[in-house]
């Protein structure tokens, strides 16, 4: 299943704290999650990526219909391998 979160205008500090529980409650292995981050500052995006990484949801940058987005491929817990660290955000997005 594909889950899309349009975070335009959302307080990313709040979402960074809420996202791990939201994903645990909704996403299942094999799902893909897109978080659209148009117009968000790089520092807030970086904190969101770090929080997701710490919670076992490594994200990668992509562009969806020319909008910056974080993409998470949800895998079974036993197979989750955390990368060395989250990618870096920039003003330009991915």
N, C-alpha and C. Protein backbone atom coordinates (compact mmCIF):
# COMPACT_ATOMS: atom_id res chain seq x y z
N UNK A 1 0.85 -1.16 0.00
CA UNK A 1 0.00 0.00 0.00
C UNK A 1 0.90 1.23 0.00
N UNK A 2 0.43 2.27 -0.62
CA UNK A 2 1.14 3.54 -0.67
C UNK A 2 0.45 4.51 0.29
N UNK A 3 1.23 5.07 1.21
CA UNK A 3 0.74 6.08 2.15
C UNK A 3 1.37 7.41 1.76
N UNK A 4 0.56 8.46 1.60
CA UNK A 4 1.07 9.77 1.23
C UNK A 4 0.68 10.76 2.31
N UNK A 5 1.70 11.44 2.84
CA UNK A 5 1.49 12.49 3.84
C UNK A 5 1.95 13.80 3.21
N UNK A 6 1.02 14.71 2.96
CA UNK A 6 1.36 16.04 2.46
C UNK A 6 1.61 16.91 3.68
N UNK A 7 2.86 17.19 3.96
CA UNK A 7 3.24 17.91 5.17
C UNK A 7 3.38 19.41 4.95
N UNK A 8 2.90 19.90 3.82
CA UNK A 8 2.94 21.34 3.54
C UNK A 8 2.18 22.08 4.64
N UNK A 9 2.88 22.98 5.30
CA UNK A 9 2.25 23.78 6.35
C UNK A 9 2.17 23.11 7.72
N UNK A 10 2.61 21.87 7.83
CA UNK A 10 2.58 21.15 9.10
C UNK A 10 3.83 21.51 9.91
N UNK A 11 3.69 21.61 11.21
CA UNK A 11 4.81 21.86 12.10
C UNK A 11 5.69 20.60 12.11
N UNK A 12 6.86 20.67 11.47
CA UNK A 12 7.70 19.48 11.35
C UNK A 12 8.30 19.05 12.68
N UNK A 13 8.43 19.94 13.63
CA UNK A 13 8.90 19.53 14.97
C UNK A 13 7.86 18.60 15.60
N UNK A 14 6.60 18.98 15.51
CA UNK A 14 5.52 18.13 16.03
C UNK A 14 5.48 16.80 15.26
N UNK A 15 5.54 16.89 13.92
CA UNK A 15 5.45 15.68 13.11
C UNK A 15 6.64 14.75 13.36
N UNK A 16 7.82 15.31 13.59
CA UNK A 16 8.99 14.49 13.89
C UNK A 16 8.77 13.62 15.12
N UNK A 17 8.07 14.16 16.10
CA UNK A 17 7.77 13.41 17.31
C UNK A 17 6.64 12.41 17.08
N UNK A 18 5.67 12.77 16.25
CA UNK A 18 4.48 11.93 16.05
C UNK A 18 4.65 10.86 14.98
N UNK A 19 5.53 11.09 14.01
CA UNK A 19 5.63 10.20 12.85
C UNK A 19 5.96 8.74 13.18
N UNK A 20 6.92 8.45 14.06
CA UNK A 20 7.20 7.03 14.33
C UNK A 20 5.97 6.25 14.82
N UNK A 21 5.20 6.83 15.72
CA UNK A 21 4.00 6.15 16.21
C UNK A 21 2.95 6.03 15.11
N UNK A 22 2.81 7.05 14.29
CA UNK A 22 1.86 7.02 13.18
C UNK A 22 2.23 5.91 12.20
N UNK A 23 3.50 5.81 11.85
CA UNK A 23 3.92 4.78 10.92
C UNK A 23 3.77 3.38 11.52
N UNK A 24 4.07 3.24 12.79
CA UNK A 24 3.92 1.94 13.45
C UNK A 24 2.46 1.50 13.45
N UNK A 25 1.54 2.45 13.54
CA UNK A 25 0.12 2.13 13.59
C UNK A 25 -0.50 1.89 12.22
N UNK A 26 0.11 2.43 11.15
CA UNK A 26 -0.53 2.33 9.84
C UNK A 26 0.24 1.50 8.81
N UNK A 27 1.53 1.71 8.72
CA UNK A 27 2.31 1.07 7.66
C UNK A 27 2.70 -0.36 8.05
N UNK A 28 2.65 -1.24 7.08
CA UNK A 28 3.02 -2.63 7.30
C UNK A 28 4.12 -3.01 6.30
N UNK A 29 4.84 -4.11 6.55
CA UNK A 29 5.89 -4.51 5.63
C UNK A 29 5.39 -4.58 4.19
N UNK A 30 6.18 -4.03 3.31
CA UNK A 30 5.82 -3.98 1.90
C UNK A 30 5.19 -2.65 1.49
N UNK A 31 4.76 -1.85 2.46
CA UNK A 31 4.18 -0.54 2.15
C UNK A 31 5.27 0.45 1.78
N UNK A 32 4.86 1.49 1.11
CA UNK A 32 5.76 2.61 0.83
C UNK A 32 5.09 3.87 1.35
N UNK A 33 5.90 4.73 1.98
CA UNK A 33 5.39 5.97 2.56
C UNK A 33 6.08 7.15 1.87
N UNK A 34 5.29 8.11 1.41
CA UNK A 34 5.82 9.34 0.85
C UNK A 34 5.43 10.48 1.78
N UNK A 35 6.41 11.29 2.15
CA UNK A 35 6.15 12.49 2.94
C UNK A 35 6.56 13.68 2.09
N UNK A 36 5.57 14.42 1.61
CA UNK A 36 5.83 15.57 0.75
C UNK A 36 6.23 16.76 1.62
N UNK A 37 7.37 17.38 1.31
CA UNK A 37 7.97 18.39 2.18
C UNK A 37 8.18 19.72 1.47
N UNK A 38 7.33 20.08 0.58
CA UNK A 38 7.50 21.30 -0.19
C UNK A 38 7.53 22.52 0.74
N UNK A 39 8.55 23.36 0.55
CA UNK A 39 8.64 24.60 1.31
C UNK A 39 9.14 24.47 2.74
N UNK A 40 9.61 23.29 3.11
CA UNK A 40 10.10 23.09 4.48
C UNK A 40 11.58 23.41 4.55
N UNK A 41 12.02 23.94 5.67
CA UNK A 41 13.42 24.30 5.87
C UNK A 41 14.30 23.07 6.00
N UNK A 42 15.56 23.18 5.60
CA UNK A 42 16.45 22.03 5.64
C UNK A 42 16.73 21.52 7.05
N UNK A 43 16.81 22.40 8.04
CA UNK A 43 17.08 21.94 9.41
C UNK A 43 15.93 21.09 9.94
N UNK A 44 14.70 21.51 9.70
CA UNK A 44 13.54 20.74 10.15
C UNK A 44 13.45 19.41 9.40
N UNK A 45 13.76 19.42 8.11
CA UNK A 45 13.77 18.17 7.32
C UNK A 45 14.82 17.22 7.86
N UNK A 46 15.97 17.74 8.20
CA UNK A 46 17.05 16.90 8.73
C UNK A 46 16.63 16.25 10.05
N UNK A 47 16.00 17.02 10.93
CA UNK A 47 15.54 16.46 12.21
C UNK A 47 14.50 15.37 11.98
N UNK A 48 13.60 15.58 11.02
CA UNK A 48 12.61 14.55 10.70
C UNK A 48 13.31 13.28 10.20
N UNK A 49 14.26 13.41 9.30
CA UNK A 49 14.98 12.24 8.79
C UNK A 49 15.69 11.50 9.93
N UNK A 50 16.32 12.25 10.82
CA UNK A 50 17.02 11.63 11.94
C UNK A 50 16.07 10.89 12.86
N UNK A 51 14.93 11.49 13.15
CA UNK A 51 13.94 10.84 14.03
C UNK A 51 13.41 9.56 13.38
N UNK A 52 13.12 9.61 12.09
CA UNK A 52 12.65 8.41 11.38
C UNK A 52 13.73 7.33 11.39
N UNK A 53 14.96 7.72 11.15
CA UNK A 53 16.08 6.79 11.15
C UNK A 53 16.21 6.11 12.52
N UNK A 54 16.15 6.90 13.59
CA UNK A 54 16.25 6.35 14.95
C UNK A 54 15.12 5.38 15.25
N UNK A 55 13.95 5.61 14.67
CA UNK A 55 12.78 4.75 14.92
C UNK A 55 12.77 3.52 14.00
N UNK A 56 13.79 3.37 13.15
CA UNK A 56 13.85 2.21 12.28
C UNK A 56 13.17 2.40 10.94
N UNK A 57 12.94 3.64 10.55
CA UNK A 57 12.33 3.95 9.27
C UNK A 57 13.30 4.79 8.44
N UNK A 58 14.35 4.17 7.89
CA UNK A 58 15.29 4.95 7.08
C UNK A 58 14.59 5.53 5.85
N UNK A 59 14.80 6.80 5.63
CA UNK A 59 14.15 7.50 4.53
C UNK A 59 15.20 7.95 3.52
N UNK A 60 14.75 8.13 2.30
CA UNK A 60 15.63 8.66 1.26
C UNK A 60 14.90 9.80 0.56
N UNK A 61 15.70 10.71 0.02
CA UNK A 61 15.14 11.83 -0.72
C UNK A 61 14.72 11.41 -2.12
N UNK A 62 13.63 12.00 -2.58
CA UNK A 62 13.18 11.80 -3.95
C UNK A 62 12.37 13.03 -4.33
N UNK A 63 11.90 13.05 -5.55
CA UNK A 63 11.02 14.11 -6.02
C UNK A 63 9.76 13.44 -6.56
N UNK A 64 8.61 13.93 -6.13
CA UNK A 64 7.33 13.41 -6.59
C UNK A 64 6.58 14.56 -7.22
N UNK A 65 6.33 14.46 -8.51
CA UNK A 65 5.69 15.53 -9.26
C UNK A 65 6.35 16.87 -8.98
N UNK A 66 7.67 16.88 -9.02
CA UNK A 66 8.52 18.05 -8.84
C UNK A 66 8.44 18.62 -7.42
N UNK A 67 8.00 17.82 -6.46
CA UNK A 67 7.95 18.25 -5.06
C UNK A 67 8.94 17.40 -4.27
N UNK A 68 9.75 18.02 -3.38
CA UNK A 68 10.67 17.24 -2.56
C UNK A 68 9.90 16.32 -1.62
N UNK A 69 10.40 15.12 -1.47
CA UNK A 69 9.70 14.14 -0.64
C UNK A 69 10.70 13.20 0.03
N UNK A 70 10.30 12.70 1.18
CA UNK A 70 11.01 11.59 1.81
C UNK A 70 10.27 10.33 1.45
N UNK A 71 10.99 9.28 1.12
CA UNK A 71 10.40 8.00 0.76
C UNK A 71 10.89 6.96 1.75
N UNK A 72 9.96 6.19 2.28
CA UNK A 72 10.28 5.10 3.20
C UNK A 72 9.70 3.83 2.63
N UNK A 73 10.56 2.83 2.46
CA UNK A 73 10.11 1.50 2.07
C UNK A 73 10.06 0.67 3.35
N UNK A 74 8.85 0.32 3.78
CA UNK A 74 8.68 -0.40 5.04
C UNK A 74 9.01 -1.87 4.81
N UNK A 75 9.93 -2.37 5.63
CA UNK A 75 10.36 -3.77 5.53
C UNK A 75 10.05 -4.46 6.85
N UNK A 76 10.03 -5.80 6.86
CA UNK A 76 9.79 -6.51 8.11
C UNK A 76 10.82 -6.13 9.17
N UNK A 77 10.41 -6.04 10.42
CA UNK A 77 11.27 -5.60 11.51
C UNK A 77 12.56 -6.40 11.58
N UNK A 78 12.49 -7.71 11.39
CA UNK A 78 13.69 -8.53 11.51
C UNK A 78 14.69 -8.25 10.40
N UNK A 79 14.21 -7.70 9.27
CA UNK A 79 15.08 -7.45 8.14
C UNK A 79 15.51 -5.99 8.04
N UNK A 80 15.02 -5.15 8.95
CA UNK A 80 15.34 -3.74 8.88
C UNK A 80 16.82 -3.52 9.17
N UNK A 81 17.50 -2.96 8.22
CA UNK A 81 18.91 -2.62 8.40
C UNK A 81 19.02 -1.11 8.34
N UNK A 82 19.52 -0.53 9.39
CA UNK A 82 19.67 0.91 9.41
C UNK A 82 20.94 1.30 8.67
N UNK A 83 20.82 2.28 7.79
CA UNK A 83 22.02 2.74 7.10
C UNK A 83 22.94 3.45 8.09
N UNK A 84 24.15 3.74 7.66
CA UNK A 84 25.14 4.36 8.53
C UNK A 84 24.63 5.67 9.12
N UNK A 85 23.81 6.38 8.43
CA UNK A 85 23.27 7.64 8.91
C UNK A 85 22.30 8.20 7.90
N UNK A 86 21.45 9.14 8.32
CA UNK A 86 20.49 9.70 7.39
C UNK A 86 21.16 10.61 6.38
N UNK A 87 20.56 10.74 5.22
CA UNK A 87 21.07 11.65 4.20
C UNK A 87 20.91 13.09 4.69
N UNK A 88 21.59 13.98 4.08
CA UNK A 88 21.54 15.38 4.49
C UNK A 88 20.49 16.14 3.67
N UNK A 89 19.77 17.04 4.33
CA UNK A 89 18.80 17.90 3.66
C UNK A 89 19.52 19.12 3.11
N UNK A 90 18.94 19.73 2.10
CA UNK A 90 19.47 20.98 1.59
C UNK A 90 18.31 21.87 1.22
N UNK A 91 18.58 23.14 1.00
CA UNK A 91 17.52 24.08 0.62
C UNK A 91 16.83 23.63 -0.67
N UNK A 92 17.60 22.98 -1.56
CA UNK A 92 17.05 22.57 -2.84
C UNK A 92 16.31 21.25 -2.76
N UNK A 93 16.28 20.59 -1.61
CA UNK A 93 15.63 19.29 -1.49
C UNK A 93 16.60 18.19 -1.83
N UNK A 94 16.12 17.12 -2.42
CA UNK A 94 16.99 15.97 -2.70
C UNK A 94 18.10 16.28 -3.67
